């Protein structure tokens, strides 16, 4: 691989790493009885507590939107 291409790949990797540092993770949320509190992030039917699957789906979408 050419040196120029290698430097470009390293630069792109740094950008990706910087962006993923700011992503919200499931472990960042309050958890109680297998429910996660996302009320500070988004309102879902007036109840901020959701199960793990729903919390992960919400975080995935928010992180995708944030990176766009």
N, C-alpha and C. Protein backbone atom coordinates (compact mmCIF):
# COMPACT_ATOMS: atom_id res chain seq x y z
N UNK A 1 0.85 -1.18 0.00
CA UNK A 1 0.00 0.00 0.00
C UNK A 1 0.89 1.24 0.00
N UNK A 2 0.49 2.21 -0.75
CA UNK A 2 1.27 3.44 -0.84
C UNK A 2 1.17 4.23 0.46
N UNK A 3 2.23 4.96 0.76
CA UNK A 3 2.28 5.75 1.98
C UNK A 3 1.12 6.75 2.04
N UNK A 4 0.82 7.37 0.91
CA UNK A 4 -0.26 8.36 0.86
C UNK A 4 -1.61 7.71 1.20
N UNK A 5 -1.85 6.51 0.67
CA UNK A 5 -3.09 5.81 0.95
C UNK A 5 -3.16 5.40 2.42
N UNK A 6 -2.04 4.98 2.96
CA UNK A 6 -1.99 4.57 4.37
C UNK A 6 -2.30 5.75 5.29
N UNK A 7 -1.74 6.90 4.98
CA UNK A 7 -2.02 8.10 5.80
C UNK A 7 -3.49 8.48 5.73
N UNK A 8 -4.09 8.35 4.55
CA UNK A 8 -5.50 8.68 4.40
C UNK A 8 -6.36 7.72 5.22
N UNK A 9 -6.03 6.44 5.21
CA UNK A 9 -6.77 5.47 6.02
C UNK A 9 -6.62 5.75 7.51
N UNK A 10 -5.44 6.13 7.94
CA UNK A 10 -5.23 6.48 9.35
C UNK A 10 -6.03 7.71 9.73
N UNK A 11 -6.09 8.70 8.84
CA UNK A 11 -6.87 9.91 9.09
C UNK A 11 -8.36 9.56 9.22
N UNK A 12 -8.86 8.71 8.33
CA UNK A 12 -10.26 8.32 8.38
C UNK A 12 -10.57 7.55 9.67
N UNK A 13 -9.66 6.71 10.09
CA UNK A 13 -9.84 5.96 11.33
C UNK A 13 -9.92 6.90 12.52
N UNK A 14 -9.11 7.94 12.53
CA UNK A 14 -9.15 8.92 13.62
C UNK A 14 -10.50 9.63 13.66
N UNK A 15 -11.03 9.99 12.50
CA UNK A 15 -12.33 10.67 12.43
C UNK A 15 -13.42 9.76 12.98
N UNK A 16 -13.41 8.49 12.59
CA UNK A 16 -14.41 7.53 13.06
C UNK A 16 -14.31 7.37 14.57
N UNK A 17 -13.09 7.25 15.09
CA UNK A 17 -12.90 7.10 16.53
C UNK A 17 -13.39 8.32 17.29
N UNK A 18 -13.16 9.51 16.76
CA UNK A 18 -13.62 10.73 17.43
C UNK A 18 -15.14 10.76 17.46
N UNK A 19 -15.78 10.34 16.38
CA UNK A 19 -17.23 10.36 16.31
C UNK A 19 -17.85 9.33 17.25
N UNK A 20 -17.25 8.15 17.36
CA UNK A 20 -17.84 7.12 18.19
C UNK A 20 -17.65 7.39 19.67
N UNK A 21 -16.70 8.23 20.05
CA UNK A 21 -16.52 8.59 21.46
C UNK A 21 -17.74 9.31 22.01
N UNK A 22 -18.47 10.00 21.15
CA UNK A 22 -19.60 10.81 21.59
C UNK A 22 -20.92 10.08 21.46
N UNK A 23 -20.89 8.84 21.02
CA UNK A 23 -22.12 8.07 20.87
C UNK A 23 -22.66 7.69 22.25
N UNK A 24 -23.97 7.62 22.36
CA UNK A 24 -24.61 7.23 23.60
C UNK A 24 -24.68 5.70 23.62
N UNK A 25 -24.27 5.11 24.73
CA UNK A 25 -24.28 3.66 24.88
C UNK A 25 -25.35 3.26 25.89
N UNK A 26 -25.77 2.03 25.80
CA UNK A 26 -26.78 1.51 26.73
C UNK A 26 -26.30 1.65 28.17
N UNK A 27 -25.02 1.46 28.39
CA UNK A 27 -24.47 1.56 29.74
C UNK A 27 -24.50 2.99 30.29
N UNK A 28 -24.74 3.98 29.43
CA UNK A 28 -24.84 5.37 29.86
C UNK A 28 -26.21 5.68 30.47
N UNK A 29 -27.17 4.79 30.27
CA UNK A 29 -28.54 5.03 30.74
C UNK A 29 -28.76 4.44 32.13
N UNK A 30 -29.69 5.06 32.88
CA UNK A 30 -30.10 4.49 34.16
C UNK A 30 -30.88 3.21 33.89
N UNK A 31 -30.63 2.20 34.70
CA UNK A 31 -31.32 0.92 34.54
C UNK A 31 -31.92 0.50 35.88
N UNK A 32 -33.17 0.05 35.84
CA UNK A 32 -33.85 -0.43 37.04
C UNK A 32 -34.81 -1.54 36.63
N UNK A 33 -34.69 -2.70 37.23
CA UNK A 33 -35.55 -3.85 36.91
C UNK A 33 -35.62 -4.12 35.41
N UNK A 34 -34.48 -4.14 34.76
CA UNK A 34 -34.37 -4.42 33.32
C UNK A 34 -35.07 -3.39 32.44
N UNK A 35 -35.33 -2.22 32.97
CA UNK A 35 -35.87 -1.11 32.18
C UNK A 35 -34.84 0.01 32.15
N UNK A 36 -34.76 0.67 31.03
CA UNK A 36 -33.78 1.74 30.84
C UNK A 36 -34.51 3.07 30.69
N UNK A 37 -33.96 4.10 31.35
CA UNK A 37 -34.59 5.42 31.32
C UNK A 37 -34.02 6.23 30.16
N UNK A 38 -34.88 6.52 29.18
CA UNK A 38 -34.47 7.32 28.04
C UNK A 38 -35.23 8.65 28.01
N UNK A 39 -35.94 8.96 29.09
CA UNK A 39 -36.76 10.16 29.17
C UNK A 39 -35.97 11.45 29.03
N UNK A 40 -34.69 11.43 29.39
CA UNK A 40 -33.86 12.62 29.22
C UNK A 40 -33.47 12.84 27.77
N UNK A 41 -33.57 11.80 26.96
CA UNK A 41 -33.14 11.86 25.57
C UNK A 41 -34.32 12.09 24.63
N UNK A 42 -35.39 11.32 24.85
CA UNK A 42 -36.55 11.37 23.96
C UNK A 42 -37.80 10.99 24.75
N UNK A 43 -38.93 11.55 24.38
CA UNK A 43 -40.19 11.24 25.06
C UNK A 43 -40.92 10.16 24.26
N UNK A 44 -41.21 9.05 24.93
CA UNK A 44 -41.95 7.97 24.30
C UNK A 44 -43.24 7.77 25.08
N UNK A 45 -44.33 8.27 24.56
CA UNK A 45 -45.65 8.11 25.19
C UNK A 45 -45.71 8.61 26.62
N UNK A 46 -44.92 9.60 26.96
CA UNK A 46 -44.96 10.17 28.29
C UNK A 46 -44.27 9.33 29.35
N UNK A 47 -43.77 8.17 28.98
CA UNK A 47 -43.08 7.28 29.92
C UNK A 47 -41.64 7.14 29.45
N UNK A 48 -40.70 7.49 30.29
CA UNK A 48 -39.30 7.46 29.91
C UNK A 48 -38.62 6.12 30.07
N UNK A 49 -39.34 5.09 30.55
CA UNK A 49 -38.74 3.78 30.79
C UNK A 49 -39.11 2.82 29.68
N UNK A 50 -38.11 2.15 29.12
CA UNK A 50 -38.34 1.17 28.05
C UNK A 50 -37.48 -0.07 28.33
N UNK A 51 -37.82 -1.17 27.66
CA UNK A 51 -37.01 -2.38 27.82
C UNK A 51 -35.69 -2.23 27.05
N UNK A 52 -34.81 -3.20 27.27
CA UNK A 52 -33.45 -3.11 26.69
C UNK A 52 -33.48 -3.06 25.16
N UNK A 53 -34.32 -3.88 24.56
CA UNK A 53 -34.38 -3.92 23.09
C UNK A 53 -34.80 -2.56 22.52
N UNK A 54 -35.84 -1.98 23.10
CA UNK A 54 -36.32 -0.67 22.63
C UNK A 54 -35.28 0.41 22.88
N UNK A 55 -34.64 0.37 24.04
CA UNK A 55 -33.61 1.36 24.36
C UNK A 55 -32.47 1.29 23.34
N UNK A 56 -32.04 0.08 23.00
CA UNK A 56 -30.95 -0.07 22.04
C UNK A 56 -31.36 0.42 20.66
N UNK A 57 -32.60 0.15 20.26
CA UNK A 57 -33.08 0.62 18.96
C UNK A 57 -33.11 2.15 18.92
N UNK A 58 -33.57 2.77 19.99
CA UNK A 58 -33.62 4.23 20.06
C UNK A 58 -32.21 4.81 20.00
N UNK A 59 -31.29 4.24 20.77
CA UNK A 59 -29.91 4.74 20.77
C UNK A 59 -29.26 4.55 19.41
N UNK A 60 -29.50 3.42 18.78
CA UNK A 60 -28.93 3.18 17.44
C UNK A 60 -29.40 4.25 16.47
N UNK A 61 -30.70 4.55 16.49
CA UNK A 61 -31.23 5.56 15.57
C UNK A 61 -30.70 6.95 15.89
N UNK A 62 -30.65 7.29 17.17
CA UNK A 62 -30.13 8.61 17.56
C UNK A 62 -28.66 8.75 17.17
N UNK A 63 -27.89 7.70 17.36
CA UNK A 63 -26.47 7.75 17.01
C UNK A 63 -26.28 7.85 15.50
N UNK A 64 -27.12 7.17 14.72
CA UNK A 64 -27.06 7.28 13.27
C UNK A 64 -27.40 8.71 12.85
N UNK A 65 -28.47 9.25 13.42
CA UNK A 65 -28.87 10.64 13.09
C UNK A 65 -27.78 11.62 13.48
N UNK A 66 -27.13 11.39 14.62
CA UNK A 66 -26.09 12.31 15.10
C UNK A 66 -24.89 12.30 14.17
N UNK A 67 -24.53 11.11 13.66
CA UNK A 67 -23.35 10.99 12.82
C UNK A 67 -23.59 11.51 11.42
N UNK A 68 -24.86 11.63 10.99
CA UNK A 68 -25.16 12.11 9.64
C UNK A 68 -24.93 13.58 9.49
